[in-house]
Amino acid sequence: MASAGPGGFGQVVLGPPGSGKTTYCTGMLQFLTGMQRRVRVVNLDPANDYLPYECCADISELITLRDVMENLNLGPNGGMVYCLEFLEKNIDWLINKLTDSINEKEKSAAKKTKTNSPDLDPQNNKNAPYFLFDLPGQVELFTHHESLRNIVDAIQKRLDIRLSAVHLVDSYHCSDPSKFISILFLSLSTMLRLELPHVNVLSKIDLMESRGSLQFNLDFYTEAMDLEYLIPLLPSSIALQAHEGPTASVEDTAKESVKAASAETTETEPSHRRSDPFH
């Protein structure tokens, strides 16, 4: 049951390292600001030393990856997991930061008018607070670990903020069939794990021409069509296994996994949360 929080909307921006999450948040901040939305950016990446945007909450004020690695003798992946677990245990810090940011904006807007403004109407969705959460890139954080999901759930329940997941993937992976199949599974795993309305975005699409031509039209990759067409393009050892031998083919394994995951989604998730990879 959602609490009577200030309400609002937001995007949880995630994806592998180098997929352009911070650049996306910066561009989306400019776009939403131009539309007169009350937008705020939240940095939840403890390894992000360069922030091109002003954020209302920055995890580095609470903990940094560098400090964890130096003091606890952990590697980058273990250190990142520790940082997210630490944030989960100190979720009140983040909730208070977000609440204070909302209240400050509302007080500032109230001082500019002597009458009740529609901009302050909590029922006016267009003027509700809008958050952009810039997340770290370690994929295990949103495919295998529970802390990130628990943090997202706490934000939604305690602040009554409706979130959606924006999953960025470098369009370079479309040029390699093996990598493309991998990112499909990564996207599907992330969608099922976080249980949020999910949108997949191919980033750096302007660089596609410099990386060579695609084997199929762009629609093939955005619609995630039949993977059977990719089998002849796989490395010879994998392609041979897909057509011959006692083991299950790559295509069959992929289809069965997607079918099982889709069935689980249909049975357990509300209809408004369902989504197809790259559709």
Protein backbone atom coordinates (compact mmCIF):
# COMPACT_ATOMS: atom_id res chain seq x y z
CA MET A 1 0.00 0.00 0.00
CA ALA A 2 1.45 3.36 -1.04
CA SER A 3 1.90 5.99 1.63
CA ALA A 4 0.51 9.51 1.40
CA GLY A 5 3.77 10.90 0.07
CA PRO A 6 4.19 14.00 -2.05
CA GLY A 7 3.66 11.99 -5.25
CA GLY A 8 5.27 12.39 -8.63
CA PHE A 9 6.76 10.48 -11.52
CA GLY A 10 10.22 9.41 -12.60
CA GLN A 11 12.61 7.30 -14.63
CA VAL A 12 15.10 4.77 -13.32
CA VAL A 13 17.88 5.06 -15.91
CA LEU A 14 20.03 1.94 -16.09
CA GLY A 15 22.20 -0.01 -18.47
CA PRO A 16 25.71 -1.44 -18.89
CA PRO A 17 28.77 0.78 -18.34
CA GLY A 18 29.33 3.24 -21.15
CA SER A 19 25.78 3.03 -22.51
CA GLY A 20 25.21 6.77 -21.96
CA LYS A 21 23.11 6.95 -18.79
CA THR A 22 24.52 10.24 -17.51
CA THR A 23 24.34 11.79 -20.98
CA TYR A 24 20.74 10.64 -21.26
CA CYS A 25 19.86 12.16 -17.86
CA THR A 26 21.48 15.45 -18.87
CA GLY A 27 19.55 15.60 -22.14
CA MET A 28 16.28 14.55 -20.52
CA LEU A 29 16.78 17.20 -17.82
CA GLN A 30 17.12 19.89 -20.49
CA PHE A 31 14.12 18.55 -22.41
CA LEU A 32 11.80 18.36 -19.40
CA THR A 33 12.95 21.75 -18.12
CA GLY A 34 12.05 23.22 -21.48
CA MET A 35 8.59 21.74 -21.05
CA GLN A 36 8.27 23.51 -17.68
CA ARG A 37 8.36 20.24 -15.74
CA ARG A 38 9.56 20.27 -12.14
CA VAL A 39 12.42 17.87 -12.79
CA ARG A 40 15.17 16.71 -10.42
CA VAL A 41 18.11 14.40 -11.02
CA VAL A 42 19.32 11.88 -8.43
CA ASN A 43 22.80 10.35 -8.75
CA LEU A 44 22.92 6.84 -7.29
CA ASP A 45 26.26 5.90 -8.88
CA PRO A 46 28.96 6.04 -6.17
CA ALA A 47 31.68 5.81 -8.85
CA ASN A 48 30.48 8.80 -10.87
CA ASP A 49 33.02 11.55 -10.21
CA TYR A 50 31.78 13.87 -12.95
CA LEU A 51 28.21 15.13 -12.86
CA PRO A 52 27.27 17.50 -15.71
CA TYR A 53 23.96 18.23 -14.01
CA GLU A 54 22.86 19.65 -10.67
CA CYS A 55 21.32 16.90 -8.57
CA CYS A 56 19.01 17.07 -5.58
CA ALA A 57 20.60 13.97 -4.04
CA ASP A 58 24.05 12.51 -4.64
CA ILE A 59 25.05 9.17 -3.14
CA SER A 60 28.67 10.37 -2.94
CA GLU A 61 27.58 12.55 -0.01
CA LEU A 62 26.80 9.30 1.81
CA ILE A 63 29.39 6.88 0.45
CA THR A 64 31.82 6.61 -2.46
CA LEU A 65 33.23 3.60 -4.26
CA ARG A 66 36.77 4.86 -3.84
CA ASP A 67 36.47 5.03 -0.04
CA VAL A 68 34.97 1.54 0.11
CA MET A 69 37.74 0.05 -2.05
CA GLU A 70 40.47 1.73 -0.01
CA ASN A 71 39.07 1.05 3.46
CA LEU A 72 37.55 -2.40 2.96
CA ASN A 73 40.01 -3.74 0.38
CA LEU A 74 37.22 -4.60 -2.07
CA GLY A 75 37.33 -4.67 -5.84
CA PRO A 76 35.14 -2.40 -7.99
CA ASN A 77 32.26 -4.87 -8.31
CA GLY A 78 32.27 -5.92 -4.67
CA GLY A 79 32.63 -2.30 -3.65
CA MET A 80 29.64 -1.27 -5.76
CA VAL A 81 27.49 -3.98 -4.18
CA TYR A 82 28.56 -2.78 -0.73
CA CYS A 83 27.64 0.83 -1.62
CA LEU A 84 24.13 -0.15 -2.71
CA GLU A 85 23.64 -2.29 0.39
CA PHE A 86 24.79 0.65 2.51
CA LEU A 87 22.30 2.94 0.76
CA GLU A 88 19.54 0.40 1.34
CA LYS A 89 20.31 0.34 5.05
CA ASN A 90 20.31 4.15 5.09
CA ILE A 91 17.28 4.60 2.85
CA ASP A 92 15.93 7.28 5.20
CA TRP A 93 18.78 9.53 4.07
CA LEU A 94 17.64 9.29 0.45
CA ILE A 95 13.94 9.64 1.29
CA ASN A 96 14.65 12.78 3.33
CA LYS A 97 16.76 14.26 0.52
CA LEU A 98 13.99 13.72 -2.02
CA THR A 99 11.30 15.04 0.32
CA ASP A 100 13.33 18.16 1.14
CA SER A 101 13.88 18.82 -2.56
CA ILE A 102 10.16 18.60 -3.28
CA ASN A 103 9.27 20.88 -0.36
CA GLU A 104 11.89 23.48 -1.30
CA LYS A 105 10.58 23.72 -4.86
CA GLU A 106 7.00 24.06 -3.68
CA LYS A 107 7.87 26.77 -1.15
CA SER A 108 9.83 28.66 -3.79
CA ALA A 109 6.92 28.49 -6.22
CA ALA A 110 4.43 29.54 -3.54
CA LYS A 111 6.40 32.73 -2.82
CA LYS A 112 6.08 33.82 -6.44
CA THR A 113 2.30 33.95 -6.39
CA LYS A 114 -0.29 35.30 -3.96
CA THR A 115 -3.05 33.07 -5.27
CA ASN A 116 -3.40 29.34 -5.59
CA SER A 117 -1.51 28.37 -8.70
CA PRO A 118 -2.40 25.32 -10.83
CA ASP A 119 1.33 24.53 -10.81
CA LEU A 120 0.98 23.56 -7.14
CA ASP A 121 -2.07 21.40 -7.64
CA PRO A 122 -1.05 17.83 -6.64
CA GLN A 123 -3.75 16.51 -8.98
CA ASN A 124 -2.10 18.23 -11.96
CA ASN A 125 0.13 15.46 -13.35
CA LYS A 126 1.96 17.79 -15.70
CA ASN A 127 3.28 19.81 -12.76
CA ALA A 128 3.96 16.91 -10.42
CA PRO A 129 7.63 16.39 -9.43
CA TYR A 130 9.57 14.38 -12.01
CA PHE A 131 12.73 12.48 -11.00
CA LEU A 132 15.59 11.05 -13.05
CA PHE A 133 17.60 8.40 -11.18
CA ASP A 134 21.08 7.93 -12.66
CA LEU A 135 22.14 4.40 -11.69
CA PRO A 136 25.50 2.57 -11.76
CA GLY A 137 26.34 0.34 -14.69
CA GLN A 138 27.22 -2.97 -13.00
CA VAL A 139 24.57 -5.27 -14.46
CA GLU A 140 24.54 -7.66 -11.50
CA LEU A 141 23.01 -4.88 -9.40
CA PHE A 142 19.76 -5.08 -11.35
CA THR A 143 19.83 -8.69 -12.51
CA HIS A 144 20.94 -10.68 -9.43
CA HIS A 145 21.09 -8.45 -6.36
CA GLU A 146 18.16 -7.33 -4.21
CA SER A 147 19.31 -3.96 -2.86
CA LEU A 148 18.51 -1.87 -5.92
CA ARG A 149 15.05 -3.37 -6.22
CA ASN A 150 14.41 -2.73 -2.52
CA ILE A 151 15.54 0.89 -2.88
CA VAL A 152 13.22 1.43 -5.84
CA ASP A 153 10.32 -0.16 -3.96
CA ALA A 154 10.93 2.07 -0.93
CA ILE A 155 10.92 5.21 -3.09
CA GLN A 156 7.65 4.24 -4.72
CA LYS A 157 5.87 3.24 -1.51
CA ARG A 158 7.10 5.95 0.83
CA LEU A 159 6.97 8.89 -1.57
CA ASP A 160 4.15 7.67 -3.81
CA ILE A 161 6.33 8.22 -6.90
CA ARG A 162 5.43 6.23 -10.00
CA LEU A 163 8.59 5.00 -11.68
CA SER A 164 9.44 3.42 -15.01
CA ALA A 165 12.70 1.78 -16.06
CA VAL A 166 14.65 3.15 -19.04
CA HIS A 167 17.22 0.55 -20.07
CA LEU A 168 19.99 1.92 -22.30
CA VAL A 169 22.08 -0.35 -24.51
CA ASP A 170 24.87 0.75 -26.85
CA SER A 171 23.64 0.29 -30.43
CA TYR A 172 27.08 -1.11 -31.25
CA HIS A 173 25.84 -4.48 -29.99
CA CYS A 174 23.44 -4.69 -32.93
CA SER A 175 26.41 -5.27 -35.24
CA ASP A 176 27.33 -8.51 -33.45
CA PRO A 177 24.64 -11.25 -33.29
CA SER A 178 26.12 -12.84 -30.17
CA LYS A 179 26.20 -9.53 -28.32
CA PHE A 180 22.69 -8.65 -29.47
CA ILE A 181 21.28 -11.92 -28.11
CA SER A 182 23.11 -11.26 -24.85
CA ILE A 183 21.61 -7.81 -24.41
CA LEU A 184 18.14 -9.20 -25.12
CA PHE A 185 18.51 -11.56 -22.18
CA LEU A 186 20.01 -8.78 -20.06
CA SER A 187 17.03 -6.57 -20.82
CA LEU A 188 14.53 -9.33 -20.12
CA SER A 189 16.23 -10.25 -16.85
CA THR A 190 16.27 -6.60 -15.75
CA MET A 191 12.61 -6.12 -16.61
CA LEU A 192 11.51 -9.16 -14.63
CA ARG A 193 13.78 -8.37 -11.71
CA LEU A 194 12.77 -4.75 -11.12
CA GLU A 195 9.08 -5.26 -11.96
CA LEU A 196 8.71 -1.76 -13.40
CA PRO A 197 7.14 -0.50 -16.64
CA HIS A 198 10.10 -0.97 -18.95
CA VAL A 199 11.40 0.84 -22.04
CA ASN A 200 14.51 -0.23 -23.95
CA VAL A 201 16.59 2.43 -25.71
CA LEU A 202 19.36 1.89 -28.24
CA SER A 203 21.85 4.65 -27.44
CA LYS A 204 24.56 6.21 -29.63
CA ILE A 205 22.50 5.45 -32.71
CA ASP A 206 24.20 8.37 -34.49
CA LEU A 207 27.42 6.34 -34.50
CA MET A 208 25.93 3.31 -36.25
CA GLU A 209 27.16 4.26 -39.73
CA SER A 210 30.76 4.57 -38.53
CA ARG A 211 30.58 1.04 -37.12
CA GLY A 212 29.56 -0.59 -40.39
CA SER A 213 26.25 -1.61 -41.92
CA LEU A 214 23.73 -3.79 -40.10
CA GLN A 215 22.75 -7.21 -41.40
CA PHE A 216 19.06 -6.29 -41.14
CA ASN A 217 16.95 -3.16 -41.03
CA LEU A 218 16.85 -1.31 -37.74
CA ASP A 219 13.28 -2.53 -37.19
CA PHE A 220 14.60 -6.07 -36.77
CA TYR A 221 16.59 -4.99 -33.71
CA THR A 222 14.02 -2.65 -32.19
CA GLU A 223 11.21 -5.21 -32.52
CA ALA A 224 13.36 -8.19 -31.42
CA MET A 225 12.14 -10.38 -34.26
CA ASP A 226 12.74 -14.12 -34.71
CA LEU A 227 16.26 -14.96 -33.53
CA GLU A 228 16.47 -17.76 -36.08
CA TYR A 229 17.66 -15.21 -38.65
CA LEU A 230 20.76 -14.57 -36.55
CA ILE A 231 21.98 -18.18 -36.47
CA PRO A 232 23.82 -18.09 -39.84
CA LEU A 233 25.62 -14.96 -38.62
CA LEU A 234 26.92 -16.50 -35.39
CA PRO A 235 30.52 -17.77 -35.11
CA SER A 236 30.87 -21.14 -36.85
CA SER A 237 31.24 -23.17 -33.63
CA ILE A 238 28.05 -21.73 -32.15
CA ALA A 239 26.13 -21.92 -35.41
CA LEU A 240 27.07 -25.58 -35.83
CA GLN A 241 25.85 -26.35 -32.32
CA ALA A 242 22.60 -24.56 -33.13
CA HIS A 243 21.88 -26.91 -36.04
CA GLU A 244 23.50 -30.21 -35.08
CA GLY A 245 24.45 -32.31 -32.09
CA PRO A 246 22.56 -33.69 -29.10
CA THR A 247 22.61 -30.40 -27.19
CA ALA A 248 19.83 -27.84 -27.49
CA SER A 249 20.39 -25.15 -30.10
CA VAL A 250 21.07 -21.56 -29.19
CA GLU A 251 17.81 -20.56 -30.84
CA ASP A 252 15.76 -23.22 -29.02
CA THR A 253 17.32 -22.31 -25.70
CA ALA A 254 16.61 -18.66 -26.31
CA LYS A 255 13.03 -19.29 -27.37
CA GLU A 256 12.29 -21.56 -24.41
CA SER A 257 13.81 -19.09 -21.95
CA VAL A 258 11.87 -16.19 -23.41
CA LYS A 259 8.67 -18.26 -23.44
CA ALA A 260 9.11 -19.27 -19.80
CA ALA A 261 9.92 -15.74 -18.73
CA SER A 262 6.98 -14.34 -20.69
CA ALA A 263 4.64 -16.87 -19.11
CA GLU A 264 5.89 -15.92 -15.66
CA THR A 265 5.37 -12.24 -16.45
CA THR A 266 1.84 -12.83 -17.70
CA GLU A 267 0.88 -14.81 -14.61
CA THR A 268 2.48 -12.64 -11.94
CA GLU A 269 2.57 -9.05 -13.19
CA PRO A 270 -0.28 -6.56 -13.60
CA SER A 271 -1.10 -5.75 -17.21
CA HIS A 272 0.24 -2.19 -16.95
CA ARG A 273 3.69 -3.54 -16.11
CA ARG A 274 4.11 -5.87 -19.07
CA SER A 275 6.50 -5.01 -21.85
CA ASP A 276 8.37 -6.74 -24.65
CA PRO A 277 12.12 -6.27 -25.10
CA PHE A 278 12.79 -3.48 -27.60
CA HIS A 279 9.13 -3.08 -28.51
